[in-house]
Amino acid sequence: MRDRVELVATILLAFAAVATAWSGYQATRWNGEQAKASGRTNAIRIEAARAQGLAQAQTQVDVATFIQWVDAYAKHETALQDFYFKRFRVEFKPAVEAWLATKPLQNPDAPLTPFAMPQYKLAATAEAERLDADAEVSAAQVRRNIQRSSNYVLGVVLFSVALFFAGTSTKLNDPRLRAVAVGVGCAIFLGTLVWIATSPVSLSV
């Protein structure tokens, strides 16, 4: 009986030691994956901020030229009106034309400005929204990698507990206590092994 318990304890010590080292390695690997994903997320957010800044600058240009144009439009100064209209950005002209079609000077229900028209669309704004969505996807990956690293750290702790019980069993003189210690260690080891086996593995360099 004693020999069998010692054999099981020895096997448990060997496997638990290997599993502890593997979990520690994977925890480190997923920390690295998390760091890389965080870098990608930050880079995407910077690009999104740049695109949003460009969109805001373009809107300011549109507002400034529109104020000058609408003043000439209201005063029926055709030459000045044409001068400013030709200087509208390509993205802005469709919105102005759609707004004019609503006859804003006569129609009280017309939108207040072309900026309220569905035709007013900025490619920079769309790009910023796309990048924000990409950044959120990347941030979700960061969170998953952090969780995976945490899972492996917990695996290290649990395998270490199994090691503790296996090592303790060899110091006990009472056969029943020795068997209980080995049994608890095996239960913890096998439960943790099954759980860790379902976790993703990172082997990239």
Protein backbone atom coordinates (compact mmCIF):
# COMPACT_ATOMS: atom_id res chain seq x y z
CA MET A 1 0.00 0.00 0.00
CA ARG A 2 2.75 2.41 0.99
CA ASP A 3 4.69 1.67 -2.18
CA ARG A 4 1.63 2.33 -4.34
CA VAL A 5 0.92 5.65 -2.63
CA GLU A 6 4.54 6.72 -2.99
CA LEU A 7 4.48 5.75 -6.67
CA VAL A 8 1.35 7.79 -7.26
CA ALA A 9 2.84 10.70 -5.31
CA THR A 10 6.02 10.53 -7.39
CA ILE A 11 4.07 10.49 -10.65
CA LEU A 12 1.90 13.34 -9.41
CA LEU A 13 4.97 15.38 -8.48
CA ALA A 14 6.46 14.87 -11.93
CA PHE A 15 3.32 15.69 -13.89
CA ALA A 16 2.31 18.59 -11.66
CA ALA A 17 5.80 20.08 -12.00
CA VAL A 18 5.59 19.89 -15.80
CA ALA A 19 2.04 21.29 -15.79
CA THR A 20 3.10 24.16 -13.52
CA ALA A 21 5.97 25.05 -15.84
CA TRP A 22 3.69 24.85 -18.89
CA SER A 23 1.04 27.07 -17.30
CA GLY A 24 3.69 29.59 -16.30
CA TYR A 25 5.01 29.63 -19.85
CA GLN A 26 1.53 30.11 -21.30
CA ALA A 27 0.75 32.90 -18.83
CA THR A 28 3.87 34.69 -20.05
CA ARG A 29 2.99 34.05 -23.68
CA TRP A 30 -0.53 35.45 -23.29
CA ASN A 31 0.88 38.49 -21.50
CA GLY A 32 2.97 39.04 -24.61
CA GLU A 33 -0.07 38.55 -26.86
CA GLN A 34 -1.98 41.05 -24.75
CA ALA A 35 0.83 43.59 -25.08
CA LYS A 36 0.90 43.19 -28.87
CA ALA A 37 -2.88 43.51 -29.10
CA SER A 38 -2.75 46.61 -26.90
CA GLY A 39 -0.20 48.14 -29.23
CA ARG A 40 -2.43 47.45 -32.23
CA THR A 41 -5.42 48.92 -30.42
CA ASN A 42 -3.56 52.11 -29.54
CA ALA A 43 -2.32 52.48 -33.12
CA ILE A 44 -5.85 52.09 -34.48
CA ARG A 45 -7.24 54.61 -31.98
CA ILE A 46 -4.56 57.12 -33.01
CA GLU A 47 -5.57 56.69 -36.65
CA ALA A 48 -9.23 57.06 -35.70
CA ALA A 49 -8.43 60.29 -33.84
CA ARG A 50 -6.59 61.61 -36.89
CA ALA A 51 -9.51 60.78 -39.16
CA GLN A 52 -11.93 62.42 -36.73
CA GLY A 53 -9.72 65.50 -36.55
CA LEU A 54 -9.67 65.69 -40.35
CA ALA A 55 -13.46 65.39 -40.45
CA GLN A 56 -13.83 68.21 -37.93
CA ALA A 57 -11.45 70.42 -39.91
CA GLN A 58 -13.35 69.72 -43.12
CA THR A 59 -16.65 70.53 -41.41
CA GLN A 60 -15.21 73.83 -40.22
CA VAL A 61 -14.20 74.67 -43.80
CA ASP A 62 -17.67 73.75 -45.02
CA VAL A 63 -19.32 75.89 -42.35
CA ALA A 64 -17.10 78.89 -43.10
CA THR A 65 -17.70 78.79 -46.86
CA PHE A 66 -21.41 78.09 -46.40
CA ILE A 67 -21.85 81.15 -44.17
CA GLN A 68 -20.35 83.35 -46.87
CA TRP A 69 -22.32 81.65 -49.63
CA VAL A 70 -25.69 81.73 -47.86
CA ASP A 71 -25.27 85.42 -47.16
CA ALA A 72 -24.76 86.04 -50.88
CA TYR A 73 -27.62 83.64 -51.67
CA ALA A 74 -30.03 85.49 -49.39
CA LYS A 75 -29.02 88.81 -50.93
CA HIS A 76 -29.30 87.40 -54.46
CA GLU A 77 -25.70 88.36 -55.21
CA THR A 78 -25.30 85.84 -58.02
CA ALA A 79 -21.64 86.48 -58.86
CA LEU A 80 -20.51 86.19 -55.24
CA GLN A 81 -22.80 83.25 -54.75
CA ASP A 82 -21.19 81.40 -57.67
CA PHE A 83 -17.75 82.35 -56.40
CA TYR A 84 -18.30 80.61 -53.06
CA PHE A 85 -20.24 77.68 -54.55
CA LYS A 86 -17.31 76.78 -56.77
CA ARG A 87 -15.15 76.64 -53.66
CA PHE A 88 -17.35 74.17 -51.84
CA ARG A 89 -15.66 70.87 -51.22
CA VAL A 90 -16.80 68.00 -53.45
CA GLU A 91 -18.38 66.21 -50.49
CA PHE A 92 -20.33 69.32 -49.49
CA LYS A 93 -21.93 70.25 -52.84
CA PRO A 94 -24.47 67.37 -52.96
CA ALA A 95 -25.80 68.38 -49.55
CA VAL A 96 -26.14 72.02 -50.60
CA GLU A 97 -27.90 71.09 -53.82
CA ALA A 98 -30.30 68.80 -51.95
CA TRP A 99 -30.92 71.54 -49.41
CA LEU A 100 -31.66 74.10 -52.14
CA ALA A 101 -34.18 71.67 -53.64
CA THR A 102 -36.20 71.99 -50.42
CA LYS A 103 -36.55 75.76 -51.13
CA PRO A 104 -35.34 76.81 -47.69
CA LEU A 105 -36.25 80.51 -48.16
CA GLN A 106 -39.89 79.67 -48.86
CA ASN A 107 -40.39 76.33 -47.11
CA PRO A 108 -40.62 76.63 -43.30
CA ASP A 109 -40.29 72.85 -42.99
CA ALA A 110 -36.99 72.73 -44.84
CA PRO A 111 -33.90 71.67 -42.85
CA LEU A 112 -32.12 74.63 -41.31
CA THR A 113 -28.80 73.93 -43.05
CA PRO A 114 -27.27 71.47 -45.54
CA PHE A 115 -25.46 69.90 -42.60
CA ALA A 116 -28.77 68.35 -41.53
CA MET A 117 -29.24 66.70 -44.93
CA PRO A 118 -28.55 62.97 -45.33
CA GLN A 119 -26.40 63.86 -48.34
CA TYR A 120 -23.85 65.50 -46.08
CA LYS A 121 -21.39 62.67 -45.62
CA LEU A 122 -17.68 62.90 -44.95
CA ALA A 123 -15.34 60.09 -45.94
CA ALA A 124 -13.12 61.04 -42.99
CA THR A 125 -16.02 60.56 -40.58
CA ALA A 126 -16.82 57.15 -42.07
CA GLU A 127 -13.15 56.21 -41.80
CA ALA A 128 -13.06 57.32 -38.16
CA GLU A 129 -16.14 55.22 -37.39
CA ARG A 130 -14.63 52.20 -39.14
CA LEU A 131 -11.39 52.60 -37.21
CA ASP A 132 -13.28 52.99 -33.93
CA ALA A 133 -15.08 49.72 -34.65
CA ASP A 134 -11.75 48.04 -35.46
CA ALA A 135 -10.28 49.42 -32.25
CA GLU A 136 -13.16 47.97 -30.24
CA VAL A 137 -12.60 44.56 -31.84
CA SER A 138 -8.90 44.80 -31.02
CA ALA A 139 -9.67 45.92 -27.46
CA ALA A 140 -11.92 42.88 -27.05
CA GLN A 141 -8.96 40.74 -28.09
CA VAL A 142 -6.84 42.47 -25.44
CA ARG A 143 -9.43 41.60 -22.80
CA ARG A 144 -9.54 37.98 -23.95
CA ASN A 145 -5.76 37.71 -23.81
CA ILE A 146 -5.69 39.18 -20.31
CA GLN A 147 -8.29 36.62 -19.20
CA ARG A 148 -6.32 33.79 -20.79
CA SER A 149 -3.15 34.89 -19.02
CA SER A 150 -5.06 35.10 -15.73
CA ASN A 151 -6.45 31.60 -16.28
CA TYR A 152 -2.97 30.19 -16.74
CA VAL A 153 -1.71 32.02 -13.65
CA LEU A 154 -4.55 30.40 -11.70
CA GLY A 155 -3.47 27.10 -13.26
CA VAL A 156 0.03 27.64 -11.87
CA VAL A 157 -1.43 28.19 -8.41
CA LEU A 158 -3.64 25.10 -8.56
CA PHE A 159 -0.88 22.85 -9.92
CA SER A 160 1.37 24.17 -7.15
CA VAL A 161 -1.29 23.16 -4.62
CA ALA A 162 -1.30 19.68 -6.16
CA LEU A 163 2.49 19.64 -5.82
CA PHE A 164 2.15 20.65 -2.17
CA PHE A 165 -0.19 17.75 -1.38
CA ALA A 166 1.99 15.30 -3.30
CA GLY A 167 5.11 16.47 -1.50
CA THR A 168 3.38 16.52 1.89
CA SER A 169 2.17 12.94 1.46
CA THR A 170 5.75 11.67 1.40
CA LYS A 171 6.36 13.20 4.86
CA LEU A 172 3.34 11.65 6.54
CA ASN A 173 3.63 8.43 8.53
CA ASP A 174 -0.06 7.63 8.78
CA PRO A 175 -1.03 5.57 5.69
CA ARG A 176 -4.55 6.95 5.64
CA LEU A 177 -3.41 10.57 5.82
CA ARG A 178 -0.83 9.85 3.15
CA ALA A 179 -3.50 8.37 0.86
CA VAL A 180 -5.84 11.30 1.54
CA ALA A 181 -3.11 13.83 0.73
CA VAL A 182 -2.27 12.05 -2.53
CA GLY A 183 -5.97 11.74 -3.37
CA VAL A 184 -6.60 15.46 -2.83
CA GLY A 185 -3.52 16.31 -4.88
CA CYS A 186 -4.64 14.05 -7.72
CA ALA A 187 -8.15 15.50 -7.67
CA ILE A 188 -6.84 19.06 -7.85
CA PHE A 189 -4.35 18.15 -10.54
CA LEU A 190 -6.83 16.32 -12.76
CA GLY A 191 -9.53 18.98 -12.36
CA THR A 192 -7.08 21.73 -13.21
CA LEU A 193 -5.63 19.73 -16.09
CA VAL A 194 -9.06 19.24 -17.66
CA TRP A 195 -9.83 22.95 -17.27
CA ILE A 196 -6.46 24.14 -18.61
CA ALA A 197 -6.71 21.73 -21.55
CA THR A 198 -9.70 23.77 -22.81
CA SER A 199 -7.70 27.02 -22.82
CA PRO A 200 -6.14 28.36 -26.04
CA VAL A 201 -2.41 27.83 -26.51
CA SER A 202 0.07 30.46 -27.70
CA LEU A 203 3.21 29.17 -29.40
CA SER A 204 4.09 32.13 -31.63
CA VAL A 205 7.52 33.65 -31.27
